[in-house]
Amino acid sequence: MLQYFLRSVDTFKDYCGSGILPLLFIASAIYIVVTEKVTWKKMILGVMPLFIIVMFFMPFTTALYEKVGMEDGTYYRVLWLVPMGIDISYAFCRLFDRRRKLGLVVAIAVVIVCSGFSLVYRSQYITKAENRFHIPTAAIDICNLIAPEEGEARVRAACPPELVYFIRQYNTDIMLAYGRDYVEDQWDYWNAVFEQMNIAPGGSYNIEALLETTREAKCMYVILNMSLSTDIDPETMGLVLIAQMDGYSIYLDPLVVAEN
């Protein structure tokens, strides 16, 4: 049981990072429990978040989570139920309700300290949004092209790794041959389609090997990055090119369609 507890501690530390957000949250939740007079607010913003945190560290909770068959390395998702930002904001609003100018100064100071004097938008991982969905336009256009009509069965597609993060966000009627857990190195998962789709810049698709995996995975659509070459023309293997857009070639596989 001790190993479950220590694992939960490590997960909590990794989830919260090195900042003071966890301490601010716990202090805010306790402050709400003590000072809030409205019962439902006290329960939702104070009691329940603290209860979830306590249960998160309980060894039997971790054991139960794993017992019901949840994926390895996903226990941190329990913390998604904890409204840290909402609790901290609400607690600060209550604390400085009668001294708003002082509260504004303190809030600005806290934001500056928590930010570490760095601007998150300068990060290499931040790019300017292309549309109101904050999803690459290429993913949206492809989804709109291959998505089933209302009432029709969902379709399965094989796409390059860079599109995996966005297609399922935009349309859940499109199933993928593999998810982001196969793309990220820390998961160390293996997938046959991903192995054939994960081509380094300057490389080329092995179409025969790729189709062997996509057909086994029942992928109706095969999407290829046009910046990468193919060893042979995909259409010689039975694929039908239905569109080329935003740097991607979208193929339909009639063999899979016939089997479905």
Protein backbone atom coordinates (compact mmCIF):
# COMPACT_ATOMS: atom_id res chain seq x y z
CA MET A 1 0.00 0.00 0.00
CA LEU A 2 2.92 2.34 0.67
CA GLN A 3 3.99 2.08 -2.96
CA TYR A 4 0.53 3.22 -4.09
CA PHE A 5 0.74 6.25 -1.80
CA LEU A 6 4.25 7.19 -2.96
CA ARG A 7 3.16 6.79 -6.57
CA SER A 8 0.21 9.13 -5.95
CA VAL A 9 2.57 11.70 -4.41
CA ASP A 10 4.82 11.58 -7.48
CA THR A 11 1.81 11.86 -9.78
CA PHE A 12 0.50 14.87 -7.87
CA LYS A 13 3.91 16.59 -8.01
CA ASP A 14 4.22 15.95 -11.75
CA TYR A 15 0.69 17.21 -12.35
CA CYS A 16 1.10 20.42 -10.36
CA GLY A 17 4.65 21.22 -11.42
CA SER A 18 7.11 23.22 -9.35
CA GLY A 19 4.91 26.28 -8.65
CA ILE A 20 2.87 27.24 -5.62
CA LEU A 21 -0.49 26.51 -7.23
CA PRO A 22 -1.21 23.42 -5.03
CA LEU A 23 -0.57 25.39 -1.83
CA LEU A 24 -2.74 28.28 -3.01
CA PHE A 25 -5.49 25.84 -3.92
CA ILE A 26 -5.48 24.00 -0.60
CA ALA A 27 -5.42 27.27 1.33
CA SER A 28 -8.27 28.62 -0.83
CA ALA A 29 -10.40 25.50 -0.40
CA ILE A 30 -9.97 25.59 3.39
CA TYR A 31 -10.75 29.31 3.44
CA ILE A 32 -13.96 28.67 1.47
CA VAL A 33 -15.01 25.88 3.84
CA VAL A 34 -14.48 28.13 6.86
CA THR A 35 -15.97 31.40 5.58
CA GLU A 36 -18.59 30.51 2.94
CA LYS A 37 -22.15 30.79 4.23
CA VAL A 38 -23.97 29.42 1.18
CA THR A 39 -24.09 25.66 1.65
CA TRP A 40 -23.96 24.57 -1.98
CA LYS A 41 -20.99 26.83 -2.71
CA LYS A 42 -19.18 25.52 0.34
CA MET A 43 -19.80 21.93 -0.76
CA ILE A 44 -18.86 22.35 -4.43
CA LEU A 45 -15.89 24.71 -4.05
CA GLY A 46 -14.64 23.71 -0.62
CA VAL A 47 -15.61 20.30 0.68
CA MET A 48 -15.68 18.30 -2.57
CA PRO A 49 -12.28 19.44 -3.91
CA LEU A 50 -10.62 18.67 -0.58
CA PHE A 51 -12.39 15.30 -0.44
CA ILE A 52 -11.15 14.43 -3.95
CA ILE A 53 -7.59 15.38 -3.02
CA VAL A 54 -7.69 13.23 0.12
CA MET A 55 -9.15 10.28 -1.79
CA PHE A 56 -6.53 10.74 -4.51
CA PHE A 57 -3.77 9.92 -2.03
CA MET A 58 -5.58 6.92 -0.57
CA PRO A 59 -3.83 3.70 -1.67
CA PHE A 60 -7.09 1.81 -2.18
CA THR A 61 -8.30 4.50 -4.60
CA THR A 62 -5.23 3.99 -6.79
CA ALA A 63 -5.62 0.22 -6.56
CA LEU A 64 -9.31 0.43 -7.51
CA TYR A 65 -8.51 2.73 -10.45
CA GLU A 66 -6.05 0.18 -11.80
CA LYS A 67 -8.36 -2.73 -11.02
CA VAL A 68 -11.19 -1.46 -13.22
CA GLY A 69 -8.84 -1.51 -16.18
CA MET A 70 -7.83 2.12 -16.64
CA GLU A 71 -4.75 2.73 -18.79
CA ASP A 72 -1.37 2.93 -17.10
CA GLY A 73 -0.16 6.44 -16.39
CA THR A 74 -3.60 8.04 -16.48
CA TYR A 75 -4.34 8.27 -12.75
CA TYR A 76 -3.53 11.99 -12.88
CA ARG A 77 -6.82 12.52 -14.73
CA VAL A 78 -8.64 12.20 -11.40
CA LEU A 79 -7.20 15.63 -10.61
CA TRP A 80 -9.16 17.06 -13.54
CA LEU A 81 -12.14 16.96 -11.18
CA VAL A 82 -10.45 19.51 -8.90
CA PRO A 83 -11.27 23.14 -9.87
CA MET A 84 -7.98 24.64 -8.69
CA GLY A 85 -8.20 27.84 -10.71
CA ILE A 86 -11.84 28.45 -9.81
CA ASP A 87 -11.20 27.87 -6.10
CA ILE A 88 -8.24 30.23 -5.98
CA SER A 89 -10.06 32.95 -7.91
CA TYR A 90 -13.21 32.68 -5.80
CA ALA A 91 -11.26 32.69 -2.53
CA PHE A 92 -9.36 35.83 -3.55
CA CYS A 93 -12.61 37.53 -4.56
CA ARG A 94 -14.14 36.74 -1.18
CA LEU A 95 -11.02 37.80 0.69
CA PHE A 96 -10.84 41.21 -0.99
CA ASP A 97 -14.55 41.79 -1.54
CA ARG A 98 -14.54 44.93 0.63
CA ARG A 99 -11.03 46.06 -0.35
CA ARG A 100 -11.04 45.64 -4.08
CA LYS A 101 -8.16 47.99 -4.86
CA LEU A 102 -5.92 46.13 -2.44
CA GLY A 103 -7.16 42.86 -3.90
CA LEU A 104 -6.29 43.99 -7.41
CA VAL A 105 -2.74 44.88 -6.36
CA VAL A 106 -2.28 41.57 -4.55
CA ALA A 107 -3.73 39.61 -7.48
CA ILE A 108 -1.35 41.27 -9.94
CA ALA A 109 1.59 40.57 -7.63
CA VAL A 110 0.58 36.91 -7.30
CA VAL A 111 0.27 36.54 -11.06
CA ILE A 112 3.73 38.03 -11.59
CA VAL A 113 5.31 35.80 -8.95
CA CYS A 114 3.55 32.65 -10.21
CA SER A 115 4.58 33.38 -13.79
CA GLY A 116 8.23 33.49 -12.81
CA PHE A 117 8.56 36.61 -14.92
CA SER A 118 8.22 34.56 -18.10
CA LEU A 119 5.69 34.87 -20.91
CA VAL A 120 4.10 31.55 -21.80
CA TYR A 121 3.32 32.71 -25.34
CA ARG A 122 7.05 32.83 -26.11
CA SER A 123 7.27 29.08 -25.68
CA GLN A 124 8.22 26.96 -28.68
CA TYR A 125 5.05 24.96 -28.08
CA ILE A 126 2.74 27.93 -28.63
CA THR A 127 1.57 28.78 -32.15
CA LYS A 128 -0.92 31.34 -33.34
CA ALA A 129 -4.43 29.94 -33.73
CA GLU A 130 -5.52 29.51 -37.35
CA ASN A 131 -9.25 29.59 -36.61
CA ARG A 132 -11.80 29.85 -33.82
CA PHE A 133 -11.48 26.13 -33.07
CA HIS A 134 -7.75 26.51 -32.26
CA ILE A 135 -7.15 23.47 -34.46
CA PRO A 136 -5.03 23.38 -37.63
CA THR A 137 -7.15 24.16 -40.67
CA ALA A 138 -5.83 21.03 -42.37
CA ALA A 139 -7.40 18.82 -39.68
CA ILE A 140 -10.74 20.61 -40.02
CA ASP A 141 -10.80 20.36 -43.82
CA ILE A 142 -9.92 16.66 -43.73
CA CYS A 143 -12.55 15.94 -41.09
CA ASN A 144 -15.22 17.76 -43.08
CA LEU A 145 -14.29 15.68 -46.12
CA ILE A 146 -14.26 12.19 -44.62
CA ALA A 147 -16.75 12.51 -41.75
CA PRO A 148 -19.85 10.31 -42.09
CA GLU A 149 -23.24 11.87 -42.63
CA GLU A 150 -25.59 12.11 -39.66
CA GLY A 151 -26.97 8.68 -38.83
CA GLU A 152 -24.23 6.81 -40.71
CA ALA A 153 -21.68 4.55 -39.04
CA ARG A 154 -18.40 6.01 -37.84
CA VAL A 155 -15.38 5.71 -40.11
CA ARG A 156 -11.80 4.77 -39.30
CA ALA A 157 -8.80 6.59 -40.73
CA ALA A 158 -5.02 6.34 -40.65
CA CYS A 159 -3.26 9.69 -40.57
CA PRO A 160 0.22 11.12 -39.93
CA PRO A 161 1.17 11.63 -36.26
CA GLU A 162 0.87 15.43 -36.37
CA LEU A 163 -2.88 15.19 -37.11
CA VAL A 164 -3.69 12.69 -34.36
CA TYR A 165 -3.94 15.38 -31.68
CA PHE A 166 -6.65 17.30 -33.53
CA ILE A 167 -8.92 15.02 -35.57
CA ARG A 168 -10.63 13.42 -32.59
CA GLN A 169 -11.01 16.83 -30.96
CA TYR A 170 -12.95 18.10 -33.96
CA ASN A 171 -15.06 15.06 -34.85
CA THR A 172 -15.50 11.96 -32.69
CA ASP A 173 -17.27 10.15 -35.55
CA ILE A 174 -13.83 9.64 -37.08
CA MET A 175 -11.91 6.87 -35.34
CA LEU A 176 -8.15 6.66 -35.68
CA ALA A 177 -5.85 3.68 -36.04
CA TYR A 178 -3.81 4.98 -33.09
CA GLY A 179 -4.04 7.77 -30.54
CA ARG A 180 -1.67 10.33 -29.07
CA ASP A 181 -0.53 7.84 -26.44
CA TYR A 182 1.35 6.05 -29.23
CA VAL A 183 2.87 9.31 -30.49
CA GLU A 184 4.33 10.55 -27.19
CA ASP A 185 7.68 8.97 -26.33
CA GLN A 186 6.98 8.69 -22.61
CA TRP A 187 4.18 6.15 -23.15
CA ASP A 188 6.44 3.73 -25.02
CA TYR A 189 3.48 2.02 -26.72
CA TRP A 190 3.73 0.23 -30.05
CA ASN A 191 1.28 0.32 -32.94
CA ALA A 192 1.77 -1.16 -36.40
CA VAL A 193 0.08 1.70 -38.27
CA PHE A 194 2.03 4.31 -36.32
CA GLU A 195 5.30 2.57 -37.19
CA GLN A 196 4.50 2.94 -40.88
CA MET A 197 3.12 6.49 -40.58
CA ASN A 198 5.94 7.87 -38.43
CA ILE A 199 8.29 8.87 -41.21
CA ALA A 200 11.25 11.16 -40.55
CA PRO A 201 11.68 14.24 -42.79
CA GLY A 202 13.30 13.20 -46.03
CA GLY A 203 12.02 9.64 -45.74
CA SER A 204 9.30 7.96 -47.75
CA TYR A 205 6.20 5.84 -47.17
CA ASN A 206 6.43 2.10 -47.77
CA ILE A 207 2.97 1.81 -49.29
CA GLU A 208 2.73 -1.98 -49.34
CA ALA A 209 3.74 -2.29 -45.67
CA LEU A 210 1.50 0.64 -44.73
CA LEU A 211 -1.58 -0.81 -46.41
CA GLU A 212 -0.97 -4.17 -44.78
CA THR A 213 -1.38 -2.48 -41.40
CA THR A 214 -4.21 -0.08 -42.31
CA ARG A 215 -6.29 -2.83 -43.86
CA GLU A 216 -5.80 -5.01 -40.82
CA ALA A 217 -6.95 -2.06 -38.70
CA LYS A 218 -10.00 -1.57 -41.01
CA CYS A 219 -9.04 1.98 -42.01
CA MET A 220 -11.39 3.24 -44.68
CA TYR A 221 -9.27 6.35 -45.29
CA VAL A 222 -5.50 6.71 -45.54
CA ILE A 223 -4.06 10.21 -45.23
CA LEU A 224 -0.52 10.90 -46.35
CA ASN A 225 1.68 13.94 -45.87
CA MET A 226 2.50 15.31 -49.33
CA SER A 227 5.91 16.53 -48.16
CA LEU A 228 6.97 12.88 -47.91
CA SER A 229 7.46 10.70 -50.97
CA THR A 230 6.03 7.22 -51.55
CA ASP A 231 8.03 4.25 -52.83
CA ILE A 232 5.21 3.44 -55.28
CA ASP A 233 2.01 5.13 -56.42
CA PRO A 234 -0.64 4.32 -53.76
CA GLU A 235 -3.26 3.95 -56.48
CA THR A 236 -1.41 0.92 -57.88
CA MET A 237 -2.26 -0.81 -54.60
CA GLY A 238 -5.96 -0.13 -54.98
CA LEU A 239 -6.32 3.20 -53.18
CA VAL A 240 -8.47 5.93 -54.70
CA LEU A 241 -7.29 9.54 -54.38
CA ILE A 242 -10.30 11.64 -53.38
CA ALA A 243 -8.60 14.94 -52.58
CA GLN A 244 -5.36 16.80 -52.00
CA MET A 245 -5.62 19.70 -49.57
CA ASP A 246 -3.53 21.63 -47.07
CA GLY A 247 -0.47 19.53 -47.85
CA TYR A 248 -2.16 16.13 -47.45
CA SER A 249 -3.39 13.46 -49.87
CA ILE A 250 -6.60 11.71 -48.79
CA TYR A 251 -7.16 8.22 -50.15
CA LEU A 252 -10.18 5.93 -49.92
CA ASP A 253 -9.55 2.20 -49.60
CA PRO A 254 -12.29 0.34 -51.54
CA LEU A 255 -11.20 -3.02 -50.09
CA VAL A 256 -12.01 -1.88 -46.56
CA VAL A 257 -15.26 -0.26 -47.74
CA ALA A 258 -16.32 -3.56 -49.31
CA GLU A 259 -15.55 -5.50 -46.15
CA ASN A 260 -17.64 -3.09 -44.07
